[in-house]
Amino acid sequence: MKNKNHGLILTRRKPNAPDTLAYRVRAKLEISQAEFSKLLGVSEKTVGAWENGRAVSHFVLPKLEKLARQNDVTVPDPQTK
């Protein structure tokens, strides 16, 4: 799409899903968002939000971090944020 001034119109991109812990763990497990949501006891919509950069609930975070460690997915150190 060209705008009338110059060049192309840029569209907004979603955050890179692979950069989120939730996405990396789910990808490593090779399961769907539906399966992952059942595993963690949350809705599919919540998993989708996490994969798009929304913060993970402090009630679920320990379980997600445990899954990550069990599957050799790097867990970020909260002290370096």
N, C-alpha and C. Protein backbone atom coordinates (compact mmCIF):
# COMPACT_ATOMS: atom_id res chain seq x y z
N MET A 1 0.82 -1.18 0.00
CA MET A 1 0.00 0.00 0.00
C MET A 1 0.87 1.25 0.00
N LYS A 2 0.62 2.15 -0.88
CA LYS A 2 1.39 3.39 -0.95
C LYS A 2 0.56 4.54 -0.39
N ASN A 3 1.20 5.42 0.36
CA ASN A 3 0.47 6.62 0.77
C ASN A 3 0.75 7.72 -0.23
N LYS A 4 -0.01 8.80 -0.16
CA LYS A 4 0.16 9.84 -1.18
C LYS A 4 1.38 10.71 -0.97
N ASN A 5 2.03 10.62 0.18
CA ASN A 5 3.23 11.42 0.43
C ASN A 5 4.48 10.74 -0.11
N HIS A 6 4.88 9.65 0.52
CA HIS A 6 6.10 8.94 0.12
C HIS A 6 5.99 7.47 0.50
N GLY A 7 6.50 6.63 -0.32
CA GLY A 7 6.76 5.24 0.04
C GLY A 7 5.58 4.42 0.51
N LEU A 8 5.90 3.44 1.35
CA LEU A 8 4.92 2.48 1.83
C LEU A 8 4.31 2.90 3.16
N ILE A 9 3.09 2.48 3.39
CA ILE A 9 2.45 2.64 4.70
C ILE A 9 2.85 1.43 5.52
N LEU A 10 3.40 1.67 6.68
CA LEU A 10 3.82 0.57 7.54
C LEU A 10 2.68 0.18 8.46
N THR A 11 2.50 -1.10 8.66
CA THR A 11 1.48 -1.57 9.59
C THR A 11 2.16 -1.99 10.88
N ARG A 12 1.40 -1.91 11.95
CA ARG A 12 1.92 -2.32 13.25
C ARG A 12 2.01 -3.83 13.32
N ARG A 13 3.09 -4.32 13.85
CA ARG A 13 3.26 -5.76 14.02
C ARG A 13 3.05 -6.11 15.47
N LYS A 14 2.56 -7.32 15.71
CA LYS A 14 2.43 -7.82 17.07
C LYS A 14 3.84 -8.06 17.62
N PRO A 15 3.97 -8.04 18.96
CA PRO A 15 5.28 -8.39 19.53
C PRO A 15 5.70 -9.78 19.06
N ASN A 16 6.97 -10.02 19.01
CA ASN A 16 7.47 -11.33 18.59
C ASN A 16 7.11 -12.37 19.63
N ALA A 17 6.17 -13.22 19.32
CA ALA A 17 5.73 -14.24 20.25
C ALA A 17 6.87 -15.12 20.75
N PRO A 18 7.85 -15.52 19.90
CA PRO A 18 8.90 -16.39 20.40
C PRO A 18 9.74 -15.78 21.53
N ASP A 19 9.62 -14.49 21.75
CA ASP A 19 10.38 -13.86 22.83
C ASP A 19 9.73 -14.04 24.20
N THR A 20 8.50 -14.56 24.25
CA THR A 20 7.84 -14.71 25.53
C THR A 20 8.09 -16.11 26.09
N LEU A 21 8.19 -16.19 27.40
CA LEU A 21 8.42 -17.48 28.06
C LEU A 21 7.29 -18.45 27.76
N ALA A 22 6.05 -17.98 27.81
CA ALA A 22 4.90 -18.85 27.56
C ALA A 22 4.99 -19.48 26.18
N TYR A 23 5.31 -18.68 25.18
CA TYR A 23 5.42 -19.22 23.81
C TYR A 23 6.57 -20.22 23.70
N ARG A 24 7.70 -19.88 24.26
CA ARG A 24 8.86 -20.77 24.14
C ARG A 24 8.62 -22.11 24.80
N VAL A 25 7.95 -22.10 25.98
CA VAL A 25 7.66 -23.36 26.66
C VAL A 25 6.66 -24.18 25.84
N ARG A 26 5.59 -23.52 25.37
CA ARG A 26 4.58 -24.23 24.59
C ARG A 26 5.16 -24.81 23.31
N ALA A 27 6.01 -24.04 22.65
CA ALA A 27 6.65 -24.52 21.42
C ALA A 27 7.54 -25.72 21.70
N LYS A 28 8.27 -25.66 22.80
CA LYS A 28 9.16 -26.77 23.16
C LYS A 28 8.36 -28.04 23.44
N LEU A 29 7.19 -27.87 24.08
CA LEU A 29 6.32 -29.01 24.37
C LEU A 29 5.56 -29.50 23.14
N GLU A 30 5.55 -28.66 22.09
CA GLU A 30 4.86 -28.97 20.84
C GLU A 30 3.38 -29.29 21.08
N ILE A 31 2.71 -28.38 21.82
CA ILE A 31 1.28 -28.54 22.08
C ILE A 31 0.54 -27.27 21.68
N SER A 32 -0.76 -27.39 21.52
CA SER A 32 -1.60 -26.26 21.13
C SER A 32 -1.84 -25.33 22.30
N GLN A 33 -2.36 -24.14 22.01
CA GLN A 33 -2.73 -23.23 23.08
C GLN A 33 -3.80 -23.86 23.97
N ALA A 34 -4.72 -24.61 23.37
CA ALA A 34 -5.78 -25.27 24.15
C ALA A 34 -5.18 -26.27 25.13
N GLU A 35 -4.25 -27.08 24.67
CA GLU A 35 -3.61 -28.07 25.55
C GLU A 35 -2.79 -27.38 26.64
N PHE A 36 -2.08 -26.33 26.25
CA PHE A 36 -1.25 -25.58 27.20
C PHE A 36 -2.11 -24.92 28.26
N SER A 37 -3.25 -24.37 27.85
CA SER A 37 -4.14 -23.70 28.80
C SER A 37 -4.68 -24.70 29.83
N LYS A 38 -5.01 -25.91 29.37
CA LYS A 38 -5.49 -26.95 30.30
C LYS A 38 -4.40 -27.36 31.27
N LEU A 39 -3.19 -27.48 30.76
CA LEU A 39 -2.04 -27.87 31.58
C LEU A 39 -1.81 -26.87 32.71
N LEU A 40 -2.00 -25.57 32.41
CA LEU A 40 -1.75 -24.52 33.40
C LEU A 40 -3.01 -24.08 34.14
N GLY A 41 -4.17 -24.57 33.72
CA GLY A 41 -5.42 -24.21 34.40
C GLY A 41 -5.90 -22.80 34.11
N VAL A 42 -5.68 -22.34 32.88
CA VAL A 42 -6.12 -21.00 32.47
C VAL A 42 -6.86 -21.12 31.14
N SER A 43 -7.45 -20.02 30.67
CA SER A 43 -8.16 -20.05 29.39
C SER A 43 -7.18 -19.93 28.22
N GLU A 44 -7.65 -20.35 27.04
CA GLU A 44 -6.85 -20.18 25.82
C GLU A 44 -6.58 -18.70 25.57
N LYS A 45 -7.55 -17.87 25.85
CA LYS A 45 -7.40 -16.42 25.66
C LYS A 45 -6.26 -15.88 26.52
N THR A 46 -6.13 -16.39 27.73
CA THR A 46 -5.05 -15.97 28.62
C THR A 46 -3.70 -16.38 28.04
N VAL A 47 -3.60 -17.61 27.54
CA VAL A 47 -2.34 -18.07 26.93
C VAL A 47 -1.99 -17.17 25.75
N GLY A 48 -2.97 -16.85 24.93
CA GLY A 48 -2.73 -15.97 23.79
C GLY A 48 -2.23 -14.60 24.22
N ALA A 49 -2.81 -14.09 25.30
CA ALA A 49 -2.37 -12.78 25.82
C ALA A 49 -0.93 -12.86 26.30
N TRP A 50 -0.58 -13.93 27.00
CA TRP A 50 0.80 -14.09 27.47
C TRP A 50 1.76 -14.14 26.30
N GLU A 51 1.37 -14.86 25.26
CA GLU A 51 2.25 -15.00 24.10
C GLU A 51 2.40 -13.70 23.33
N ASN A 52 1.53 -12.76 23.58
CA ASN A 52 1.62 -11.45 22.94
C ASN A 52 2.16 -10.39 23.90
N GLY A 53 2.77 -10.83 25.00
CA GLY A 53 3.48 -9.91 25.86
C GLY A 53 2.82 -9.51 27.16
N ARG A 54 1.60 -9.95 27.41
CA ARG A 54 0.95 -9.62 28.68
C ARG A 54 1.62 -10.39 29.81
N ALA A 55 1.71 -9.78 30.97
CA ALA A 55 2.37 -10.41 32.12
C ALA A 55 1.62 -11.67 32.56
N VAL A 56 2.38 -12.65 32.97
CA VAL A 56 1.82 -13.90 33.49
C VAL A 56 1.46 -13.70 34.95
N SER A 57 0.28 -14.18 35.34
CA SER A 57 -0.20 -14.08 36.72
C SER A 57 0.81 -14.68 37.69
N HIS A 58 0.97 -14.03 38.84
CA HIS A 58 1.92 -14.55 39.83
C HIS A 58 1.45 -15.89 40.41
N PHE A 59 0.18 -16.24 40.22
CA PHE A 59 -0.31 -17.54 40.68
C PHE A 59 0.15 -18.67 39.76
N VAL A 60 0.35 -18.37 38.48
CA VAL A 60 0.70 -19.39 37.49
C VAL A 60 2.20 -19.38 37.16
N LEU A 61 2.86 -18.26 37.38
CA LEU A 61 4.26 -18.11 37.01
C LEU A 61 5.16 -19.22 37.55
N PRO A 62 5.04 -19.63 38.83
CA PRO A 62 5.92 -20.71 39.30
C PRO A 62 5.75 -22.01 38.50
N LYS A 63 4.51 -22.33 38.15
CA LYS A 63 4.26 -23.55 37.37
C LYS A 63 4.85 -23.43 35.96
N LEU A 64 4.71 -22.24 35.35
CA LEU A 64 5.27 -22.00 34.02
C LEU A 64 6.80 -22.08 34.08
N GLU A 65 7.40 -21.48 35.08
CA GLU A 65 8.87 -21.52 35.22
C GLU A 65 9.35 -22.95 35.45
N LYS A 66 8.60 -23.73 36.22
CA LYS A 66 8.97 -25.13 36.46
C LYS A 66 8.93 -25.92 35.15
N LEU A 67 7.86 -25.73 34.37
CA LEU A 67 7.77 -26.39 33.06
C LEU A 67 8.93 -25.99 32.17
N ALA A 68 9.29 -24.72 32.21
CA ALA A 68 10.40 -24.23 31.40
C ALA A 68 11.70 -24.93 31.78
N ARG A 69 11.98 -24.96 33.06
CA ARG A 69 13.23 -25.59 33.52
C ARG A 69 13.27 -27.09 33.21
N GLN A 70 12.13 -27.75 33.36
CA GLN A 70 12.05 -29.19 33.08
C GLN A 70 12.28 -29.49 31.59
N ASN A 71 12.05 -28.50 30.75
CA ASN A 71 12.17 -28.69 29.31
C ASN A 71 13.31 -27.88 28.69
N ASP A 72 14.27 -27.48 29.53
CA ASP A 72 15.47 -26.76 29.08
C ASP A 72 15.16 -25.47 28.33
N VAL A 73 14.16 -24.74 28.80
CA VAL A 73 13.84 -23.41 28.26
C VAL A 73 14.38 -22.39 29.26
N THR A 74 15.16 -21.44 28.77
CA THR A 74 15.77 -20.43 29.65
C THR A 74 14.70 -19.58 30.31
N VAL A 75 14.78 -19.47 31.63
CA VAL A 75 13.87 -18.62 32.40
C VAL A 75 14.62 -17.34 32.75
N PRO A 76 14.05 -16.18 32.40
CA PRO A 76 14.75 -14.93 32.72
C PRO A 76 14.87 -14.71 34.22
N ASP A 77 15.98 -14.13 34.61
CA ASP A 77 16.21 -13.79 36.02
C ASP A 77 15.46 -12.50 36.33
N PRO A 78 14.50 -12.53 37.29
CA PRO A 78 13.73 -11.33 37.57
C PRO A 78 14.58 -10.16 38.07
N GLN A 79 15.76 -10.44 38.58
CA GLN A 79 16.63 -9.38 39.08
C GLN A 79 17.29 -8.58 37.96
N THR A 80 17.30 -9.14 36.74
CA THR A 80 17.95 -8.45 35.62
C THR A 80 16.97 -7.62 34.79
N LYS A 81 15.72 -7.58 35.21
CA LYS A 81 14.72 -6.80 34.47
C LYS A 81 14.73 -5.36 34.89
